[in-house]
C-alpha atoms as a PDB file:
ATOM      1  CA  MET A   1     -10.238 -31.923 -24.873  1.00  0.00           C
ATOM      2  CA  PHE A   2      -7.596 -29.872 -25.181  1.00  0.00           C
ATOM      3  CA  THR A   3      -6.866 -25.971 -23.256  1.00  0.00           C
ATOM      4  CA  ILE A   4      -5.158 -22.596 -24.295  1.00  0.00           C
ATOM      5  CA  ASN A   5      -3.289 -21.714 -20.980  1.00  0.00           C
ATOM      6  CA  ILE A   6      -1.939 -17.699 -20.551  1.00  0.00           C
ATOM      7  CA  THR A   7       0.546 -18.632 -17.706  1.00  0.00           C
ATOM      8  CA  LYS A   8       0.485 -14.772 -16.787  1.00  0.00           C
ATOM      9  CA  GLU A   9      -2.408 -12.074 -17.898  1.00  0.00           C
ATOM     10  CA  CYS A  10      -1.030  -8.883 -18.551  1.00  0.00           C
ATOM     11  CA  GLY A  11      -3.151  -5.881 -18.536  1.00  0.00           C
ATOM     12  CA  CYS A  12      -3.060  -5.958 -21.955  1.00  0.00           C
ATOM     13  CA  PHE A  13      -4.487  -9.915 -21.967  1.00  0.00           C
ATOM     14  CA  LYS A  14      -7.317  -9.081 -19.240  1.00  0.00           C
ATOM     15  CA  LYS A  15      -8.401  -6.123 -21.419  1.00  0.00           C
ATOM     16  CA  SER A  16      -8.409  -8.027 -24.315  1.00  0.00           C
ATOM     17  CA  ALA A  17     -11.957 -10.686 -25.434  1.00  0.00           C
ATOM     18  CA  TYR A  18      -9.571 -13.208 -24.816  1.00  0.00           C
ATOM     19  CA  GLU A  19     -10.146 -15.763 -22.363  1.00  0.00           C
ATOM     20  CA  ASN A  20      -7.942 -18.023 -20.099  1.00  0.00           C
ATOM     21  CA  ASN A  21      -8.176 -21.583 -20.194  1.00  0.00           C
ATOM     22  CA  MET A  22     -10.227 -22.042 -24.419  1.00  0.00           C
ATOM     23  CA  THR A  23     -10.856 -25.508 -24.618  1.00  0.00           C
ATOM     24  CA  PHE A  24     -11.338 -27.096 -28.383  1.00  0.00           C
ATOM     25  CA  GLU A  25     -12.126 -30.818 -29.534  1.00  0.00           C
ATOM     26  CA  SER A  26      -9.808 -30.360 -31.393  1.00  0.00           C
ATOM     27  CA  LYS A  27      -5.953 -30.631 -31.134  1.00  0.00           C
ATOM     28  CA  ASP A  28      -5.291 -28.561 -34.521  1.00  0.00           C
ATOM     29  CA  ASP A  29      -8.256 -25.971 -33.790  1.00  0.00           C
ATOM     30  CA  ALA A  30      -6.719 -25.901 -30.335  1.00  0.00           C
ATOM     31  CA  LEU A  31      -3.464 -25.608 -32.029  1.00  0.00           C
ATOM     32  CA  LEU A  32      -4.705 -22.156 -34.827  1.00  0.00           C
ATOM     33  CA  GLN A  33      -6.198 -20.391 -31.738  1.00  0.00           C
ATOM     34  CA  ALA A  34      -2.740 -20.410 -29.895  1.00  0.00           C
ATOM     35  CA  LYS A  35      -1.013 -19.044 -33.196  1.00  0.00           C
ATOM     36  CA  LEU A  36      -3.677 -16.621 -33.478  1.00  0.00           C
ATOM     37  CA  MET A  37      -3.240 -15.325 -29.837  1.00  0.00           C
ATOM     38  CA  GLU A  38       0.478 -15.396 -29.874  1.00  0.00           C
ATOM     39  CA  ASN A  39       1.350 -13.114 -33.169  1.00  0.00           C
ATOM     40  CA  HIS A  40      -2.025 -10.693 -32.297  1.00  0.00           C
ATOM     41  CA  MET A  41      -0.577 -10.633 -28.665  1.00  0.00           C
ATOM     42  CA  ASN A  42       2.744  -9.968 -30.383  1.00  0.00           C
ATOM     43  CA  GLN A  43       2.030  -6.916 -32.703  1.00  0.00           C
ATOM     44  CA  LYS A  44      -0.855  -5.478 -31.150  1.00  0.00           C
ATOM     45  CA  PHE A  45      -0.631  -5.342 -27.590  1.00  0.00           C
ATOM     46  CA  TYR A  46       1.875  -2.802 -25.049  1.00  0.00           C
ATOM     47  CA  GLN A  47       5.196  -4.290 -26.053  1.00  0.00           C
ATOM     48  CA  LYS A  48       6.410  -4.685 -22.935  1.00  0.00           C
ATOM     49  CA  HIS A  49       5.892  -8.692 -23.150  1.00  0.00           C
ATOM     50  CA  THR A  50       6.714 -11.441 -25.576  1.00  0.00           C
ATOM     51  CA  PHE A  51       4.528 -13.966 -25.465  1.00  0.00           C
ATOM     52  CA  TRP A  52       4.977 -17.476 -27.639  1.00  0.00           C
ATOM     53  CA  VAL A  53       3.531 -20.970 -27.533  1.00  0.00           C
ATOM     54  CA  GLU A  54       3.856 -24.301 -26.068  1.00  0.00           C
ATOM     55  CA  GLU A  55       2.768 -27.435 -26.556  1.00  0.00           C
ATOM     56  CA  ASP A  56       2.379 -29.372 -23.590  1.00  0.00           C
ATOM     57  CA  GLY A  57       0.327 -32.569 -23.355  1.00  0.00           C
ATOM     58  CA  ASN A  58      -3.365 -31.594 -24.424  1.00  0.00           C
ATOM     59  CA  THR A  59      -2.345 -28.075 -23.303  1.00  0.00           C
ATOM     60  CA  PHE A  60      -1.392 -25.526 -25.783  1.00  0.00           C
ATOM     61  CA  ARG A  61       0.810 -22.926 -22.821  1.00  0.00           C
ATOM     62  CA  ILE A  62       0.991 -19.035 -24.119  1.00  0.00           C
ATOM     63  CA  ASN A  63       4.265 -18.083 -22.399  1.00  0.00           C
ATOM     64  CA  VAL A  64       4.856 -14.570 -20.445  1.00  0.00           C
ATOM     65  CA  ALA A  65       7.938 -12.862 -20.175  1.00  0.00           C
ATOM     66  CA  GLU A  66       9.421  -9.190 -19.929  1.00  0.00           C
ATOM     67  CA  ARG A  67      10.353  -8.164 -23.453  1.00  0.00           C
ATOM     68  CA  VAL A  68      14.460  -7.263 -23.855  1.00  0.00           C
ATOM     69  CA  ARG A  69      15.023  -3.833 -24.908  1.00  0.00           C
ATOM     70  CA  GLU A  70      18.269  -3.398 -26.380  1.00  0.00           C
ATOM     71  CA  SER A  71      20.227  -0.804 -24.000  1.00  0.00           C
ATOM     72  CA  HIS A  72      23.871   0.662 -24.378  1.00  0.00           C
ATOM     73  CA  SER A  73      26.013  -0.243 -21.675  1.00  0.00           C
ATOM     74  CA  GLY A  74      28.157   2.601 -18.956  1.00  0.00           C
ATOM     75  CA  GLY A  75      26.626   5.793 -20.298  1.00  0.00           C
ATOM     76  CA  CYS A  76      27.719   5.387 -23.987  1.00  0.00           C
ATOM     77  CA  CYS A  77      24.862   6.417 -26.704  1.00  0.00           C
ATOM     78  CA  GLY A  78      26.788   4.137 -29.147  1.00  0.00           C
ATOM     79  CA  SER A  79      28.591   6.858 -31.398  1.00  0.00           C
ATOM     80  CA  GLY A  80      31.733   5.770 -31.286  1.00  0.00           C
ATOM     81  CA  HIS A  81      33.646   8.319 -29.168  1.00  0.00           C
ATOM     82  CA  CYS A  82      33.604   6.907 -25.825  1.00  0.00           C
ATOM     83  CA  SER A  83      36.352   3.994 -26.411  1.00  0.00           C
END
């Protein structure tokens, strides 16, 4: 038995049709579903988080982290006049 585990259920995940800890008989089926979920969540969810799959034995873990936003430090707008 192979499992897809979501490490953190964000609001978008909870509102989606996906379920946590889905199980599959086939490793290939579980991996395919995990990659499809990863791609869908990265493209269609709110964009506050980023998702990636890691294999851990019979579990495909979909990790969740805050998405890093690019920002300019020191209040500079990046137009070149501050330096």
